[in-house]
Amino acid sequence: MTLIRTQVLLESDTVDKLKILAARQGRSVSELVRELVKVGLEREQMEELQRISALLKEFQQIRTEVAAQPGEIPSDILEKTRNERQRELGDALWGQSS
């Protein structure tokens, strides 16, 4: 793992708390901050995956509800519209009427 020096501005009480916690654990403040940032980023990533999962479940539910409805579903309507447009273009191009 390559470490890159960076600068972060923290409030003095936060720095004091970090120093106390690092001393209790026998670690440097830098090591503690790296771990806390890593854990925070992992948690954020997990929360993002949970949000995506919830959206996918919602999408699947909507898809199931739409598929259960009688009549045409949106993909059928799109295909029907495309076919009609192709027929219109063919008629216009070749001078034929439907």
N, C-alpha and C. Protein backbone atom coordinates (compact mmCIF):
# COMPACT_ATOMS: atom_id res chain seq x y z
N MET A 1 0.85 -1.17 0.00
CA MET A 1 0.00 0.00 0.00
C MET A 1 0.90 1.24 0.00
N THR A 2 0.65 2.12 -0.93
CA THR A 2 1.39 3.37 -1.01
C THR A 2 0.64 4.44 -0.22
N LEU A 3 1.34 5.11 0.64
CA LEU A 3 0.73 6.18 1.43
C LEU A 3 1.07 7.52 0.77
N ILE A 4 0.10 8.39 0.73
CA ILE A 4 0.28 9.72 0.15
C ILE A 4 0.02 10.75 1.25
N ARG A 5 0.95 11.65 1.38
CA ARG A 5 0.79 12.70 2.40
C ARG A 5 -0.31 13.67 1.93
N THR A 6 -1.19 13.98 2.86
CA THR A 6 -2.25 14.92 2.58
C THR A 6 -2.47 15.78 3.82
N GLN A 7 -3.21 16.83 3.65
CA GLN A 7 -3.45 17.72 4.77
C GLN A 7 -4.95 17.86 4.95
N VAL A 8 -5.38 17.70 6.19
CA VAL A 8 -6.80 17.81 6.52
C VAL A 8 -6.92 18.76 7.69
N LEU A 9 -7.84 19.68 7.60
CA LEU A 9 -8.07 20.62 8.70
C LEU A 9 -9.17 20.07 9.59
N LEU A 10 -8.87 19.93 10.88
CA LEU A 10 -9.82 19.41 11.85
C LEU A 10 -9.98 20.42 12.98
N GLU A 11 -11.11 20.39 13.62
CA GLU A 11 -11.33 21.25 14.79
C GLU A 11 -10.45 20.76 15.93
N SER A 12 -10.05 21.66 16.78
CA SER A 12 -9.10 21.31 17.86
C SER A 12 -9.64 20.23 18.79
N ASP A 13 -10.95 20.26 19.10
CA ASP A 13 -11.49 19.22 19.98
C ASP A 13 -11.46 17.85 19.31
N THR A 14 -11.61 17.81 18.00
CA THR A 14 -11.53 16.54 17.27
C THR A 14 -10.11 16.00 17.33
N VAL A 15 -9.13 16.87 17.15
CA VAL A 15 -7.72 16.45 17.23
C VAL A 15 -7.41 15.93 18.63
N ASP A 16 -7.91 16.62 19.66
CA ASP A 16 -7.69 16.17 21.04
C ASP A 16 -8.27 14.77 21.25
N LYS A 17 -9.48 14.54 20.76
CA LYS A 17 -10.12 13.22 20.90
C LYS A 17 -9.32 12.15 20.15
N LEU A 18 -8.83 12.49 18.96
CA LEU A 18 -8.03 11.54 18.19
C LEU A 18 -6.74 11.19 18.93
N LYS A 19 -6.10 12.19 19.52
CA LYS A 19 -4.86 11.95 20.27
C LYS A 19 -5.11 11.03 21.47
N ILE A 20 -6.18 11.28 22.18
CA ILE A 20 -6.51 10.46 23.35
C ILE A 20 -6.80 9.02 22.93
N LEU A 21 -7.61 8.85 21.91
CA LEU A 21 -7.97 7.52 21.43
C LEU A 21 -6.74 6.79 20.90
N ALA A 22 -5.91 7.48 20.14
CA ALA A 22 -4.69 6.86 19.60
C ALA A 22 -3.77 6.42 20.74
N ALA A 23 -3.63 7.25 21.78
CA ALA A 23 -2.78 6.91 22.92
C ALA A 23 -3.32 5.68 23.65
N ARG A 24 -4.64 5.61 23.83
CA ARG A 24 -5.26 4.46 24.50
C ARG A 24 -4.98 3.17 23.73
N GLN A 25 -4.99 3.29 22.40
CA GLN A 25 -4.81 2.10 21.56
C GLN A 25 -3.34 1.84 21.23
N GLY A 26 -2.46 2.73 21.66
CA GLY A 26 -1.03 2.57 21.38
C GLY A 26 -0.71 2.71 19.90
N ARG A 27 -1.40 3.62 19.25
CA ARG A 27 -1.22 3.84 17.81
C ARG A 27 -0.95 5.31 17.56
N SER A 28 -0.51 5.60 16.35
CA SER A 28 -0.32 7.00 15.98
C SER A 28 -1.67 7.58 15.54
N VAL A 29 -1.76 8.89 15.61
CA VAL A 29 -2.97 9.57 15.15
C VAL A 29 -3.17 9.29 13.65
N SER A 30 -2.09 9.29 12.90
CA SER A 30 -2.19 9.04 11.45
C SER A 30 -2.78 7.67 11.17
N GLU A 31 -2.30 6.67 11.90
CA GLU A 31 -2.82 5.30 11.71
C GLU A 31 -4.30 5.24 12.06
N LEU A 32 -4.67 5.88 13.15
CA LEU A 32 -6.07 5.90 13.58
C LEU A 32 -6.94 6.60 12.54
N VAL A 33 -6.49 7.74 12.05
CA VAL A 33 -7.27 8.49 11.05
C VAL A 33 -7.42 7.65 9.77
N ARG A 34 -6.34 6.97 9.34
CA ARG A 34 -6.44 6.13 8.14
C ARG A 34 -7.50 5.05 8.32
N GLU A 35 -7.50 4.42 9.50
CA GLU A 35 -8.48 3.37 9.75
C GLU A 35 -9.91 3.94 9.79
N LEU A 36 -10.08 5.06 10.47
CA LEU A 36 -11.41 5.66 10.55
C LEU A 36 -11.93 6.08 9.18
N VAL A 37 -11.06 6.61 8.35
CA VAL A 37 -11.47 7.00 6.99
C VAL A 37 -11.84 5.75 6.19
N LYS A 38 -11.03 4.71 6.30
CA LYS A 38 -11.31 3.46 5.58
C LYS A 38 -12.65 2.88 5.99
N VAL A 39 -12.89 2.82 7.31
CA VAL A 39 -14.16 2.28 7.81
C VAL A 39 -15.33 3.14 7.33
N GLY A 40 -15.15 4.46 7.38
CA GLY A 40 -16.22 5.36 6.92
C GLY A 40 -16.52 5.18 5.44
N LEU A 41 -15.49 5.02 4.63
CA LEU A 41 -15.70 4.81 3.20
C LEU A 41 -16.36 3.46 2.92
N GLU A 42 -15.96 2.43 3.66
CA GLU A 42 -16.59 1.12 3.50
C GLU A 42 -18.06 1.17 3.88
N ARG A 43 -18.37 1.90 4.96
CA ARG A 43 -19.77 2.03 5.38
C ARG A 43 -20.58 2.78 4.32
N GLU A 44 -19.99 3.85 3.78
CA GLU A 44 -20.68 4.61 2.73
C GLU A 44 -20.94 3.74 1.50
N GLN A 45 -19.95 2.92 1.14
CA GLN A 45 -20.12 2.03 0.00
C GLN A 45 -21.23 1.01 0.28
N MET A 46 -21.27 0.46 1.49
CA MET A 46 -22.30 -0.50 1.85
C MET A 46 -23.68 0.15 1.80
N GLU A 47 -23.79 1.37 2.31
CA GLU A 47 -25.07 2.08 2.28
C GLU A 47 -25.50 2.35 0.84
N GLU A 48 -24.55 2.68 -0.03
CA GLU A 48 -24.86 2.91 -1.44
C GLU A 48 -25.36 1.62 -2.10
N LEU A 49 -24.72 0.51 -1.78
CA LEU A 49 -25.17 -0.78 -2.32
C LEU A 49 -26.57 -1.13 -1.81
N GLN A 50 -26.85 -0.80 -0.57
CA GLN A 50 -28.18 -1.06 -0.02
C GLN A 50 -29.23 -0.19 -0.72
N ARG A 51 -28.87 1.08 -1.00
CA ARG A 51 -29.81 1.96 -1.72
C ARG A 51 -30.06 1.43 -3.13
N ILE A 52 -29.01 0.97 -3.79
CA ILE A 52 -29.16 0.43 -5.14
C ILE A 52 -30.00 -0.83 -5.10
N SER A 53 -29.75 -1.68 -4.12
CA SER A 53 -30.53 -2.91 -3.98
C SER A 53 -32.01 -2.60 -3.77
N ALA A 54 -32.29 -1.62 -2.93
CA ALA A 54 -33.69 -1.24 -2.68
C ALA A 54 -34.34 -0.71 -3.96
N LEU A 55 -33.60 0.08 -4.73
CA LEU A 55 -34.14 0.59 -6.00
C LEU A 55 -34.40 -0.54 -6.99
N LEU A 56 -33.49 -1.51 -7.04
CA LEU A 56 -33.69 -2.65 -7.94
C LEU A 56 -34.91 -3.47 -7.54
N LYS A 57 -35.10 -3.65 -6.23
CA LYS A 57 -36.29 -4.38 -5.77
C LYS A 57 -37.55 -3.61 -6.14
N GLU A 58 -37.52 -2.30 -5.98
CA GLU A 58 -38.67 -1.47 -6.33
C GLU A 58 -38.95 -1.55 -7.84
N PHE A 59 -37.88 -1.49 -8.63
CA PHE A 59 -38.02 -1.60 -10.09
C PHE A 59 -38.62 -2.95 -10.46
N GLN A 60 -38.13 -4.04 -9.83
CA GLN A 60 -38.65 -5.37 -10.13
C GLN A 60 -40.13 -5.47 -9.76
N GLN A 61 -40.51 -4.84 -8.65
CA GLN A 61 -41.92 -4.86 -8.24
C GLN A 61 -42.78 -4.12 -9.26
N ILE A 62 -42.32 -2.97 -9.70
CA ILE A 62 -43.06 -2.20 -10.71
C ILE A 62 -43.17 -3.01 -12.00
N ARG A 63 -42.06 -3.62 -12.37
CA ARG A 63 -42.05 -4.43 -13.60
C ARG A 63 -43.05 -5.58 -13.51
N THR A 64 -43.10 -6.23 -12.35
CA THR A 64 -44.04 -7.33 -12.14
C THR A 64 -45.48 -6.83 -12.21
N GLU A 65 -45.74 -5.67 -11.60
CA GLU A 65 -47.09 -5.10 -11.62
C GLU A 65 -47.51 -4.73 -13.04
N VAL A 66 -46.60 -4.14 -13.80
CA VAL A 66 -46.92 -3.76 -15.17
C VAL A 66 -47.17 -4.99 -16.02
N ALA A 67 -46.36 -6.03 -15.83
CA ALA A 67 -46.53 -7.26 -16.61
C ALA A 67 -47.85 -7.95 -16.29
N ALA A 68 -48.35 -7.76 -15.07
CA ALA A 68 -49.60 -8.40 -14.66
C ALA A 68 -50.84 -7.67 -15.16
N GLN A 69 -50.65 -6.43 -15.64
CA GLN A 69 -51.79 -5.67 -16.12
C GLN A 69 -52.23 -6.18 -17.48
N PRO A 70 -53.55 -6.23 -17.70
CA PRO A 70 -54.02 -6.68 -19.01
C PRO A 70 -53.70 -5.65 -20.09
N GLY A 71 -53.59 -6.11 -21.30
CA GLY A 71 -53.34 -5.20 -22.41
C GLY A 71 -51.86 -5.12 -22.73
N GLU A 72 -51.54 -4.10 -23.50
CA GLU A 72 -50.17 -3.94 -23.93
C GLU A 72 -49.30 -3.39 -22.82
N ILE A 73 -48.08 -3.89 -22.76
CA ILE A 73 -47.10 -3.33 -21.83
C ILE A 73 -46.22 -2.38 -22.63
N PRO A 74 -45.54 -1.46 -21.98
CA PRO A 74 -44.79 -0.42 -22.69
C PRO A 74 -43.85 -0.94 -23.78
N SER A 75 -43.17 -2.07 -23.57
CA SER A 75 -42.27 -2.57 -24.60
C SER A 75 -43.05 -2.96 -25.85
N ASP A 76 -44.28 -3.50 -25.68
CA ASP A 76 -45.12 -3.84 -26.82
C ASP A 76 -45.55 -2.58 -27.56
N ILE A 77 -45.88 -1.54 -26.82
CA ILE A 77 -46.30 -0.28 -27.43
C ILE A 77 -45.15 0.31 -28.24
N LEU A 78 -43.95 0.27 -27.70
CA LEU A 78 -42.78 0.78 -28.41
C LEU A 78 -42.55 0.00 -29.70
N GLU A 79 -42.62 -1.31 -29.62
CA GLU A 79 -42.41 -2.14 -30.81
C GLU A 79 -43.51 -1.87 -31.85
N LYS A 80 -44.74 -1.73 -31.40
CA LYS A 80 -45.85 -1.45 -32.31
C LYS A 80 -45.64 -0.09 -33.00
N THR A 81 -45.21 0.90 -32.24
CA THR A 81 -44.95 2.24 -32.80
C THR A 81 -43.83 2.18 -33.82
N ARG A 82 -42.77 1.44 -33.52
CA ARG A 82 -41.66 1.31 -34.47
C ARG A 82 -42.12 0.66 -35.77
N ASN A 83 -42.89 -0.40 -35.65
CA ASN A 83 -43.39 -1.09 -36.85
C ASN A 83 -44.27 -0.18 -37.70
N GLU A 84 -45.15 0.56 -37.03
CA GLU A 84 -46.01 1.49 -37.76
C GLU A 84 -45.18 2.56 -38.47
N ARG A 85 -44.17 3.07 -37.80
CA ARG A 85 -43.31 4.11 -38.40
C ARG A 85 -42.53 3.55 -39.58
N GLN A 86 -42.02 2.34 -39.47
CA GLN A 86 -41.31 1.72 -40.58
C GLN A 86 -42.25 1.53 -41.78
N ARG A 87 -43.48 1.12 -41.51
CA ARG A 87 -44.47 0.93 -42.58
C ARG A 87 -44.77 2.28 -43.25
N GLU A 88 -44.92 3.33 -42.45
CA GLU A 88 -45.17 4.67 -42.99
C GLU A 88 -44.02 5.14 -43.87
N LEU A 89 -42.80 4.91 -43.40
CA LEU A 89 -41.63 5.32 -44.18
C LEU A 89 -41.53 4.52 -45.48
N GLY A 90 -41.83 3.23 -45.39
CA GLY A 90 -41.83 2.39 -46.59
C GLY A 90 -42.88 2.86 -47.59
N ASP A 91 -44.06 3.18 -47.10
CA ASP A 91 -45.13 3.67 -47.97
C ASP A 91 -44.73 4.98 -48.63
N ALA A 92 -44.11 5.88 -47.84
CA ALA A 92 -43.70 7.16 -48.38
C ALA A 92 -42.59 6.98 -49.41
N LEU A 93 -41.68 6.08 -49.15
CA LEU A 93 -40.56 5.84 -50.03
C LEU A 93 -40.99 5.18 -51.33
N TRP A 94 -41.86 4.23 -51.25
CA TRP A 94 -42.26 3.45 -52.43
C TRP A 94 -43.60 3.91 -53.00
N GLY A 95 -44.21 4.91 -52.40
CA GLY A 95 -45.47 5.46 -52.95
C GLY A 95 -46.63 4.54 -52.80
N GLN A 96 -46.59 3.69 -51.80
CA GLN A 96 -47.69 2.75 -51.58
C GLN A 96 -48.55 3.27 -50.43
N SER A 97 -49.79 2.86 -50.44
CA SER A 97 -50.67 3.20 -49.33
C SER A 97 -51.03 1.94 -48.57
N SER A 98 -51.31 2.10 -47.30
CA SER A 98 -51.63 0.93 -46.45
C SER A 98 -53.02 0.46 -46.70
